[in-house]
Amino acid sequence: MNAEAPAPRRRARGLCVPPVAATLGVALPMWLVAQLSPALAVDLPGRLGAAGLFVATGAAVGLAGVLEFRRVRTTVNPLRPEKASSLVTSGIFRLTRNPMYLGLALALLGWAVYLANPLAALGVPAFVLWMNQLQIPHEERAIAALFGEDFARYRSQVRRWL
């Protein structure tokens, strides 16, 4: 009798999409909406400067998070949070638990300002909702399993976004 072995159980990991891919997956529809609804365009004086400021701030916030992860020598891979070797609570992580995602959201906000279309701007809350519902809970479950009470204490002291 040749019985097949049962398929290995896949642990429920949430819908894990690389965050940069998720950001691009929101940015493209934002652009399409702006292109398809030019009548909704808003005249925003100084929009290029404001857009650039949001993008630059987002890049700085995200980079600060990456550098802090590197400094303590833990993984920056959001698809494998169970590989974390340290609970990072220093640097930018004293202000936000998710600086890289905050940085991406700020970059999308800059993109929305650049597009100057209120309908396209709905992409920013859509990104935040995506991260809050599908990405961050998966990561937080893995981090809680690794760091237990230390993570629970950190989570109670520092907000998810700001």
N, C-alpha and C. Protein backbone atom coordinates (compact mmCIF):
# COMPACT_ATOMS: atom_id res chain seq x y z
N MET A 1 0.85 -1.17 0.00
CA MET A 1 0.00 0.00 0.00
C MET A 1 0.89 1.24 0.00
N ASN A 2 0.63 2.15 -0.88
CA ASN A 2 1.45 3.33 -1.03
C ASN A 2 0.65 4.55 -0.59
N ALA A 3 0.69 4.83 0.69
CA ALA A 3 -0.05 5.97 1.23
C ALA A 3 0.82 7.22 1.19
N GLU A 4 0.22 8.27 0.73
CA GLU A 4 0.96 9.54 0.70
C GLU A 4 0.99 10.13 2.09
N ALA A 5 2.13 10.71 2.40
CA ALA A 5 2.25 11.41 3.68
C ALA A 5 1.40 12.67 3.62
N PRO A 6 0.80 13.03 4.74
CA PRO A 6 -0.01 14.26 4.74
C PRO A 6 0.88 15.47 4.44
N ALA A 7 0.30 16.41 3.76
CA ALA A 7 1.05 17.63 3.46
C ALA A 7 1.42 18.32 4.76
N PRO A 8 2.61 18.91 4.83
CA PRO A 8 2.98 19.62 6.06
C PRO A 8 2.00 20.77 6.32
N ARG A 9 1.68 20.93 7.60
CA ARG A 9 0.75 22.01 7.95
C ARG A 9 1.45 23.34 7.82
N ARG A 10 0.80 24.24 7.13
CA ARG A 10 1.32 25.61 7.04
C ARG A 10 0.75 26.41 8.17
N ARG A 11 1.62 27.04 8.86
CA ARG A 11 1.18 27.90 9.94
C ARG A 11 0.48 29.12 9.35
N ALA A 12 -0.63 29.50 9.95
CA ALA A 12 -1.33 30.70 9.47
C ALA A 12 -0.42 31.90 9.68
N ARG A 13 -0.07 32.54 8.59
CA ARG A 13 0.88 33.65 8.67
C ARG A 13 0.27 34.96 8.25
N GLY A 14 -0.98 34.99 8.00
CA GLY A 14 -1.56 36.23 7.49
C GLY A 14 -1.25 36.33 6.00
N LEU A 15 -1.67 37.38 5.42
CA LEU A 15 -1.40 37.61 4.01
C LEU A 15 -0.11 38.40 3.94
N CYS A 16 0.99 37.70 3.77
CA CYS A 16 2.30 38.35 3.82
C CYS A 16 2.75 38.77 2.43
N VAL A 17 2.72 40.04 2.22
CA VAL A 17 3.20 40.65 0.98
C VAL A 17 4.33 41.56 1.40
N PRO A 18 5.44 41.56 0.67
CA PRO A 18 6.49 42.50 1.05
C PRO A 18 5.91 43.91 1.13
N PRO A 19 6.17 44.63 2.21
CA PRO A 19 5.56 45.95 2.40
C PRO A 19 5.83 46.93 1.26
N VAL A 20 7.00 46.87 0.65
CA VAL A 20 7.26 47.77 -0.47
C VAL A 20 6.35 47.39 -1.64
N ALA A 21 6.12 46.10 -1.85
CA ALA A 21 5.20 45.66 -2.91
C ALA A 21 3.78 46.12 -2.59
N ALA A 22 3.38 46.03 -1.32
CA ALA A 22 2.04 46.51 -0.93
C ALA A 22 1.92 48.01 -1.19
N THR A 23 2.99 48.74 -0.91
CA THR A 23 2.98 50.19 -1.14
C THR A 23 2.82 50.48 -2.63
N LEU A 24 3.58 49.79 -3.45
CA LEU A 24 3.46 49.98 -4.89
C LEU A 24 2.09 49.53 -5.38
N GLY A 25 1.55 48.48 -4.74
CA GLY A 25 0.22 47.99 -5.09
C GLY A 25 -0.88 48.98 -4.74
N VAL A 26 -0.59 49.92 -3.89
CA VAL A 26 -1.54 51.00 -3.57
C VAL A 26 -1.22 52.23 -4.43
N ALA A 27 0.06 52.52 -4.61
CA ALA A 27 0.46 53.72 -5.36
C ALA A 27 -0.02 53.69 -6.81
N LEU A 28 0.05 52.53 -7.44
CA LEU A 28 -0.38 52.44 -8.84
C LEU A 28 -1.88 52.73 -9.00
N PRO A 29 -2.75 52.10 -8.22
CA PRO A 29 -4.17 52.45 -8.33
C PRO A 29 -4.45 53.92 -7.98
N MET A 30 -3.68 54.49 -7.07
CA MET A 30 -3.85 55.92 -6.77
C MET A 30 -3.59 56.74 -8.04
N TRP A 31 -2.54 56.41 -8.75
CA TRP A 31 -2.21 57.11 -9.99
C TRP A 31 -3.31 56.90 -11.04
N LEU A 32 -3.77 55.64 -11.16
CA LEU A 32 -4.82 55.35 -12.13
C LEU A 32 -6.09 56.13 -11.83
N VAL A 33 -6.47 56.18 -10.58
CA VAL A 33 -7.66 56.94 -10.19
C VAL A 33 -7.49 58.41 -10.54
N ALA A 34 -6.31 58.95 -10.27
CA ALA A 34 -6.06 60.36 -10.60
C ALA A 34 -6.14 60.60 -12.10
N GLN A 35 -5.64 59.64 -12.88
CA GLN A 35 -5.69 59.78 -14.34
C GLN A 35 -7.10 59.66 -14.89
N LEU A 36 -7.90 58.82 -14.25
CA LEU A 36 -9.26 58.57 -14.73
C LEU A 36 -10.29 59.57 -14.21
N SER A 37 -9.89 60.39 -13.26
CA SER A 37 -10.84 61.37 -12.71
C SER A 37 -10.20 62.76 -12.62
N PRO A 38 -9.77 63.30 -13.76
CA PRO A 38 -9.10 64.61 -13.73
C PRO A 38 -10.01 65.74 -13.24
N ALA A 39 -11.31 65.56 -13.34
CA ALA A 39 -12.23 66.61 -12.87
C ALA A 39 -12.15 66.79 -11.36
N LEU A 40 -11.66 65.79 -10.65
CA LEU A 40 -11.54 65.88 -9.20
C LEU A 40 -10.23 66.53 -8.75
N ALA A 41 -9.35 66.80 -9.69
CA ALA A 41 -8.05 67.38 -9.34
C ALA A 41 -8.24 68.69 -8.59
N VAL A 42 -7.39 68.88 -7.60
CA VAL A 42 -7.45 70.06 -6.74
C VAL A 42 -6.18 70.87 -6.98
N ASP A 43 -6.33 72.18 -7.06
CA ASP A 43 -5.15 73.03 -7.19
C ASP A 43 -4.53 73.20 -5.81
N LEU A 44 -3.37 72.62 -5.62
CA LEU A 44 -2.67 72.70 -4.34
C LEU A 44 -1.40 73.53 -4.53
N PRO A 45 -1.42 74.79 -4.13
CA PRO A 45 -0.20 75.58 -4.24
C PRO A 45 0.91 74.95 -3.40
N GLY A 46 2.08 74.86 -3.98
CA GLY A 46 3.22 74.28 -3.27
C GLY A 46 3.17 72.77 -3.14
N ARG A 47 2.38 72.12 -3.98
CA ARG A 47 2.20 70.68 -3.82
C ARG A 47 3.49 69.90 -4.05
N LEU A 48 4.34 70.35 -4.96
CA LEU A 48 5.60 69.62 -5.20
C LEU A 48 6.48 69.65 -3.96
N GLY A 49 6.58 70.81 -3.35
CA GLY A 49 7.38 70.92 -2.13
C GLY A 49 6.80 70.10 -0.99
N ALA A 50 5.49 70.18 -0.82
CA ALA A 50 4.82 69.42 0.24
C ALA A 50 4.96 67.92 -0.01
N ALA A 51 4.75 67.52 -1.25
CA ALA A 51 4.89 66.10 -1.58
C ALA A 51 6.30 65.62 -1.29
N GLY A 52 7.27 66.41 -1.72
CA GLY A 52 8.68 66.06 -1.47
C GLY A 52 8.99 65.97 0.02
N LEU A 53 8.43 66.87 0.79
CA LEU A 53 8.65 66.87 2.24
C LEU A 53 8.08 65.60 2.88
N PHE A 54 6.88 65.21 2.48
CA PHE A 54 6.29 63.97 3.02
C PHE A 54 7.12 62.75 2.63
N VAL A 55 7.53 62.69 1.37
CA VAL A 55 8.33 61.54 0.91
C VAL A 55 9.67 61.51 1.64
N ALA A 56 10.33 62.66 1.75
CA ALA A 56 11.63 62.71 2.43
C ALA A 56 11.49 62.34 3.91
N THR A 57 10.44 62.83 4.55
CA THR A 57 10.21 62.49 5.96
C THR A 57 9.94 60.99 6.10
N GLY A 58 9.13 60.45 5.20
CA GLY A 58 8.86 59.02 5.22
C GLY A 58 10.13 58.20 5.04
N ALA A 59 10.98 58.63 4.12
CA ALA A 59 12.25 57.92 3.89
C ALA A 59 13.12 57.99 5.14
N ALA A 60 13.18 59.14 5.78
CA ALA A 60 14.00 59.29 6.99
C ALA A 60 13.48 58.43 8.13
N VAL A 61 12.17 58.41 8.32
CA VAL A 61 11.57 57.60 9.40
C VAL A 61 11.81 56.11 9.13
N GLY A 62 11.56 55.68 7.91
CA GLY A 62 11.78 54.27 7.57
C GLY A 62 13.24 53.87 7.70
N LEU A 63 14.13 54.72 7.22
CA LEU A 63 15.57 54.43 7.31
C LEU A 63 16.02 54.37 8.76
N ALA A 64 15.48 55.24 9.60
CA ALA A 64 15.83 55.21 11.03
C ALA A 64 15.46 53.86 11.63
N GLY A 65 14.32 53.30 11.23
CA GLY A 65 13.94 51.98 11.72
C GLY A 65 14.87 50.89 11.23
N VAL A 66 15.19 50.92 9.95
CA VAL A 66 16.11 49.91 9.39
C VAL A 66 17.47 50.00 10.08
N LEU A 67 17.98 51.21 10.25
CA LEU A 67 19.30 51.37 10.88
C LEU A 67 19.30 50.89 12.32
N GLU A 68 18.19 51.10 13.03
CA GLU A 68 18.12 50.63 14.41
C GLU A 68 18.10 49.10 14.45
N PHE A 69 17.39 48.47 13.52
CA PHE A 69 17.41 47.00 13.43
C PHE A 69 18.82 46.52 13.14
N ARG A 70 19.49 47.18 12.22
CA ARG A 70 20.86 46.79 11.86
C ARG A 70 21.80 46.97 13.06
N ARG A 71 21.61 48.08 13.79
CA ARG A 71 22.47 48.37 14.94
C ARG A 71 22.42 47.25 15.97
N VAL A 72 21.22 46.72 16.21
CA VAL A 72 21.09 45.65 17.21
C VAL A 72 21.21 44.26 16.57
N ARG A 73 21.46 44.22 15.27
CA ARG A 73 21.72 42.99 14.52
C ARG A 73 20.56 41.99 14.59
N THR A 74 19.39 42.51 14.24
CA THR A 74 18.23 41.63 14.12
C THR A 74 17.67 41.75 12.70
N THR A 75 16.83 40.83 12.34
CA THR A 75 16.31 40.80 10.97
C THR A 75 15.41 42.00 10.67
N VAL A 76 15.50 42.46 9.44
CA VAL A 76 14.59 43.51 8.97
C VAL A 76 13.54 42.92 8.05
N ASN A 77 13.54 41.60 7.90
CA ASN A 77 12.62 40.94 6.99
C ASN A 77 11.24 40.81 7.62
N PRO A 78 10.26 41.60 7.15
CA PRO A 78 8.93 41.55 7.76
C PRO A 78 8.16 40.27 7.43
N LEU A 79 8.66 39.49 6.48
CA LEU A 79 7.99 38.24 6.15
C LEU A 79 8.43 37.10 7.06
N ARG A 80 9.48 37.32 7.84
CA ARG A 80 9.99 36.29 8.75
C ARG A 80 10.22 36.86 10.15
N PRO A 81 9.20 37.43 10.78
CA PRO A 81 9.40 38.05 12.10
C PRO A 81 9.86 37.05 13.16
N GLU A 82 9.58 35.79 12.95
CA GLU A 82 10.01 34.78 13.92
C GLU A 82 11.52 34.62 13.97
N LYS A 83 12.22 35.22 13.01
CA LYS A 83 13.69 35.18 12.98
C LYS A 83 14.31 36.31 13.79
N ALA A 84 13.51 37.17 14.39
CA ALA A 84 14.04 38.29 15.17
C ALA A 84 14.89 37.76 16.33
N SER A 85 16.03 38.38 16.52
CA SER A 85 16.91 37.98 17.62
C SER A 85 16.84 38.96 18.78
N SER A 86 16.23 40.12 18.56
CA SER A 86 16.13 41.14 19.61
C SER A 86 14.80 41.87 19.47
N LEU A 87 14.28 42.30 20.60
CA LEU A 87 13.13 43.19 20.62
C LEU A 87 13.70 44.60 20.61
N VAL A 88 13.46 45.33 19.53
CA VAL A 88 14.04 46.66 19.38
C VAL A 88 13.07 47.69 19.94
N THR A 89 13.52 48.39 20.98
CA THR A 89 12.69 49.41 21.63
C THR A 89 13.42 50.75 21.73
N SER A 90 14.56 50.84 21.11
CA SER A 90 15.38 52.05 21.19
C SER A 90 15.25 52.88 19.92
N GLY A 91 15.86 54.06 19.93
CA GLY A 91 15.83 54.91 18.75
C GLY A 91 14.41 55.29 18.38
N ILE A 92 14.12 55.25 17.10
CA ILE A 92 12.80 55.62 16.57
C ILE A 92 11.70 54.72 17.14
N PHE A 93 12.08 53.52 17.59
CA PHE A 93 11.10 52.58 18.14
C PHE A 93 10.57 53.03 19.50
N ARG A 94 11.11 54.09 20.07
CA ARG A 94 10.54 54.68 21.29
C ARG A 94 9.29 55.48 20.95
N LEU A 95 9.15 55.86 19.65
CA LEU A 95 8.03 56.70 19.22
C LEU A 95 6.96 55.95 18.46
N THR A 96 7.35 54.90 17.76
CA THR A 96 6.42 54.12 16.94
C THR A 96 6.91 52.68 16.88
N ARG A 97 5.99 51.74 16.94
CA ARG A 97 6.37 50.33 16.83
C ARG A 97 6.65 49.92 15.39
N ASN A 98 6.22 50.74 14.43
CA ASN A 98 6.33 50.38 13.02
C ASN A 98 6.88 51.53 12.18
N PRO A 99 8.11 51.95 12.43
CA PRO A 99 8.62 53.11 11.68
C PRO A 99 8.74 52.87 10.18
N MET A 100 9.04 51.66 9.77
CA MET A 100 9.16 51.40 8.34
C MET A 100 7.80 51.55 7.65
N TYR A 101 6.75 51.06 8.29
CA TYR A 101 5.41 51.17 7.71
C TYR A 101 4.93 52.61 7.78
N LEU A 102 5.26 53.30 8.86
CA LEU A 102 4.93 54.72 8.97
C LEU A 102 5.62 55.49 7.84
N GLY A 103 6.88 55.15 7.59
CA GLY A 103 7.61 55.80 6.50
C GLY A 103 6.96 55.56 5.15
N LEU A 104 6.51 54.33 4.91
CA LEU A 104 5.84 54.03 3.65
C LEU A 104 4.51 54.78 3.55
N ALA A 105 3.79 54.88 4.65
CA ALA A 105 2.52 55.61 4.65
C ALA A 105 2.76 57.10 4.38
N LEU A 106 3.82 57.66 4.96
CA LEU A 106 4.14 59.06 4.69
C LEU A 106 4.53 59.27 3.23
N ALA A 107 5.25 58.31 2.66
CA ALA A 107 5.60 58.40 1.24
C ALA A 107 4.33 58.36 0.38
N LEU A 108 3.39 57.50 0.74
CA LEU A 108 2.11 57.46 0.01
C LEU A 108 1.34 58.77 0.18
N LEU A 109 1.43 59.36 1.35
CA LEU A 109 0.78 60.65 1.57
C LEU A 109 1.41 61.70 0.65
N GLY A 110 2.72 61.66 0.53
CA GLY A 110 3.39 62.55 -0.41
C GLY A 110 2.93 62.32 -1.83
N TRP A 111 2.77 61.07 -2.21
CA TRP A 111 2.28 60.71 -3.55
C TRP A 111 0.87 61.26 -3.74
N ALA A 112 0.03 61.14 -2.71
CA ALA A 112 -1.34 61.66 -2.79
C ALA A 112 -1.33 63.17 -2.97
N VAL A 113 -0.47 63.86 -2.25
CA VAL A 113 -0.37 65.31 -2.39
C VAL A 113 0.08 65.65 -3.81
N TYR A 114 1.07 64.93 -4.31
CA TYR A 114 1.54 65.16 -5.67
C TYR A 114 0.41 64.96 -6.69
N LEU A 115 -0.37 63.90 -6.51
CA LEU A 115 -1.47 63.61 -7.45
C LEU A 115 -2.60 64.63 -7.34
N ALA A 116 -2.74 65.25 -6.17
CA ALA A 116 -3.73 66.30 -5.93
C ALA A 116 -5.14 65.87 -6.32
N ASN A 117 -5.49 64.65 -5.94
CA ASN A 117 -6.81 64.11 -6.25
C ASN A 117 -7.36 63.46 -4.99
N PRO A 118 -8.46 63.99 -4.44
CA PRO A 118 -8.98 63.44 -3.18
C PRO A 118 -9.35 61.96 -3.26
N LEU A 119 -9.83 61.52 -4.40
CA LEU A 119 -10.18 60.11 -4.55
C LEU A 119 -8.92 59.24 -4.49
N ALA A 120 -7.87 59.70 -5.12
CA ALA A 120 -6.60 58.96 -5.07
C ALA A 120 -6.04 58.92 -3.65
N ALA A 121 -6.29 59.97 -2.89
CA ALA A 121 -5.77 60.04 -1.52
C ALA A 121 -6.34 58.94 -0.63
N LEU A 122 -7.44 58.32 -1.05
CA LEU A 122 -8.00 57.21 -0.26
C LEU A 122 -7.05 56.01 -0.20
N GLY A 123 -6.04 56.01 -1.05
CA GLY A 123 -5.05 54.95 -1.01
C GLY A 123 -4.27 54.93 0.30
N VAL A 124 -4.08 56.09 0.91
CA VAL A 124 -3.30 56.14 2.16
C VAL A 124 -4.03 55.40 3.28
N PRO A 125 -5.29 55.71 3.57
CA PRO A 125 -5.96 54.90 4.60
C PRO A 125 -6.13 53.44 4.19
N ALA A 126 -6.24 53.17 2.89
CA ALA A 126 -6.32 51.77 2.46
C ALA A 126 -5.04 51.03 2.81
N PHE A 127 -3.89 51.67 2.62
CA PHE A 127 -2.60 51.07 2.98
C PHE A 127 -2.53 50.81 4.49
N VAL A 128 -2.92 51.81 5.28
CA VAL A 128 -2.88 51.66 6.73
C VAL A 128 -3.81 50.52 7.17
N LEU A 129 -5.00 50.45 6.58
CA LEU A 129 -5.93 49.37 6.90
C LEU A 129 -5.33 48.01 6.54
N TRP A 130 -4.73 47.92 5.36
CA TRP A 130 -4.07 46.68 4.92
C TRP A 130 -3.03 46.26 5.96
N MET A 131 -2.18 47.18 6.34
CA MET A 131 -1.11 46.85 7.29
C MET A 131 -1.69 46.47 8.65
N ASN A 132 -2.68 47.22 9.11
CA ASN A 132 -3.29 46.94 10.43
C ASN A 132 -4.01 45.61 10.47
N GLN A 133 -4.60 45.20 9.36
CA GLN A 133 -5.41 43.99 9.35
C GLN A 133 -4.64 42.75 8.92
N LEU A 134 -3.69 42.90 8.01
CA LEU A 134 -3.08 41.73 7.40
C LEU A 134 -1.59 41.54 7.71
N GLN A 135 -0.85 42.59 7.85
CA GLN A 135 0.60 42.45 8.04
C GLN A 135 1.00 42.52 9.51
N ILE A 136 0.64 43.59 10.17
CA ILE A 136 1.11 43.83 11.53
C ILE A 136 0.65 42.76 12.52
N PRO A 137 -0.62 42.30 12.48
CA PRO A 137 -1.01 41.26 13.45
C PRO A 137 -0.16 40.00 13.35
N HIS A 138 0.18 39.58 12.13
CA HIS A 138 1.05 38.42 11.94
C HIS A 138 2.40 38.66 12.61
N GLU A 139 2.96 39.81 12.38
CA GLU A 139 4.26 40.14 12.97
C GLU A 139 4.17 40.19 14.49
N GLU A 140 3.12 40.82 14.99
CA GLU A 140 3.00 40.96 16.44
C GLU A 140 2.78 39.62 17.13
N ARG A 141 2.08 38.69 16.48
CA ARG A 141 1.94 37.35 17.07
C ARG A 141 3.31 36.67 17.18
N ALA A 142 4.11 36.78 16.14
CA ALA A 142 5.44 36.16 16.15
C ALA A 142 6.34 36.81 17.20
N ILE A 143 6.30 38.13 17.29
CA ILE A 143 7.13 38.84 18.26
C ILE A 143 6.67 38.53 19.69
N ALA A 144 5.36 38.45 19.89
CA ALA A 144 4.84 38.10 21.22
C ALA A 144 5.28 36.70 21.62
N ALA A 145 5.29 35.77 20.67
CA ALA A 145 5.74 34.41 20.97
C ALA A 145 7.21 34.39 21.35
N LEU A 146 8.00 35.25 20.73
CA LEU A 146 9.44 35.29 21.01
C LEU A 146 9.78 36.03 22.30
N PHE A 147 9.10 37.16 22.54
CA PHE A 147 9.55 38.06 23.60
C PHE A 147 8.54 38.24 24.73
N GLY A 148 7.41 37.56 24.65
CA GLY A 148 6.44 37.49 25.74
C GLY A 148 6.13 38.79 26.45
N GLU A 149 6.39 38.80 27.74
CA GLU A 149 6.04 39.94 28.60
C GLU A 149 6.78 41.21 28.20
N ASP A 150 8.02 41.09 27.74
CA ASP A 150 8.75 42.28 27.30
C ASP A 150 8.02 42.97 26.14
N PHE A 151 7.52 42.17 25.19
CA PHE A 151 6.78 42.76 24.08
C PHE A 151 5.44 43.32 24.56
N ALA A 152 4.77 42.62 25.45
CA ALA A 152 3.48 43.10 25.98
C ALA A 152 3.68 44.46 26.66
N ARG A 153 4.74 44.61 27.42
CA ARG A 153 5.01 45.88 28.09
C ARG A 153 5.32 46.97 27.05
N TYR A 154 6.17 46.65 26.09
CA TYR A 154 6.51 47.61 25.02
C TYR A 154 5.26 48.02 24.25
N ARG A 155 4.45 47.04 23.92
CA ARG A 155 3.23 47.30 23.15
C ARG A 155 2.28 48.22 23.92
N SER A 156 2.26 48.10 25.22
CA SER A 156 1.38 48.96 26.03
C SER A 156 1.93 50.37 26.17
N GLN A 157 3.22 50.56 25.90
CA GLN A 157 3.85 51.87 26.09
C GLN A 157 4.03 52.67 24.80
N VAL A 158 4.10 51.97 23.66
CA VAL A 158 4.39 52.65 22.39
C VAL A 158 3.28 52.33 21.41
N ARG A 159 2.80 53.36 20.75
CA ARG A 159 1.71 53.19 19.78
C ARG A 159 2.19 52.47 18.52
N ARG A 160 1.25 51.88 17.83
CA ARG A 160 1.56 51.17 16.59
C ARG A 160 2.09 52.13 15.53
N TRP A 161 1.46 53.26 15.36
CA TRP A 161 1.87 54.21 14.32
C TRP A 161 2.53 55.44 14.96
N LEU A 162 1.78 56.26 15.62
CA LEU A 162 2.32 57.44 16.31
C LEU A 162 1.56 57.72 17.59
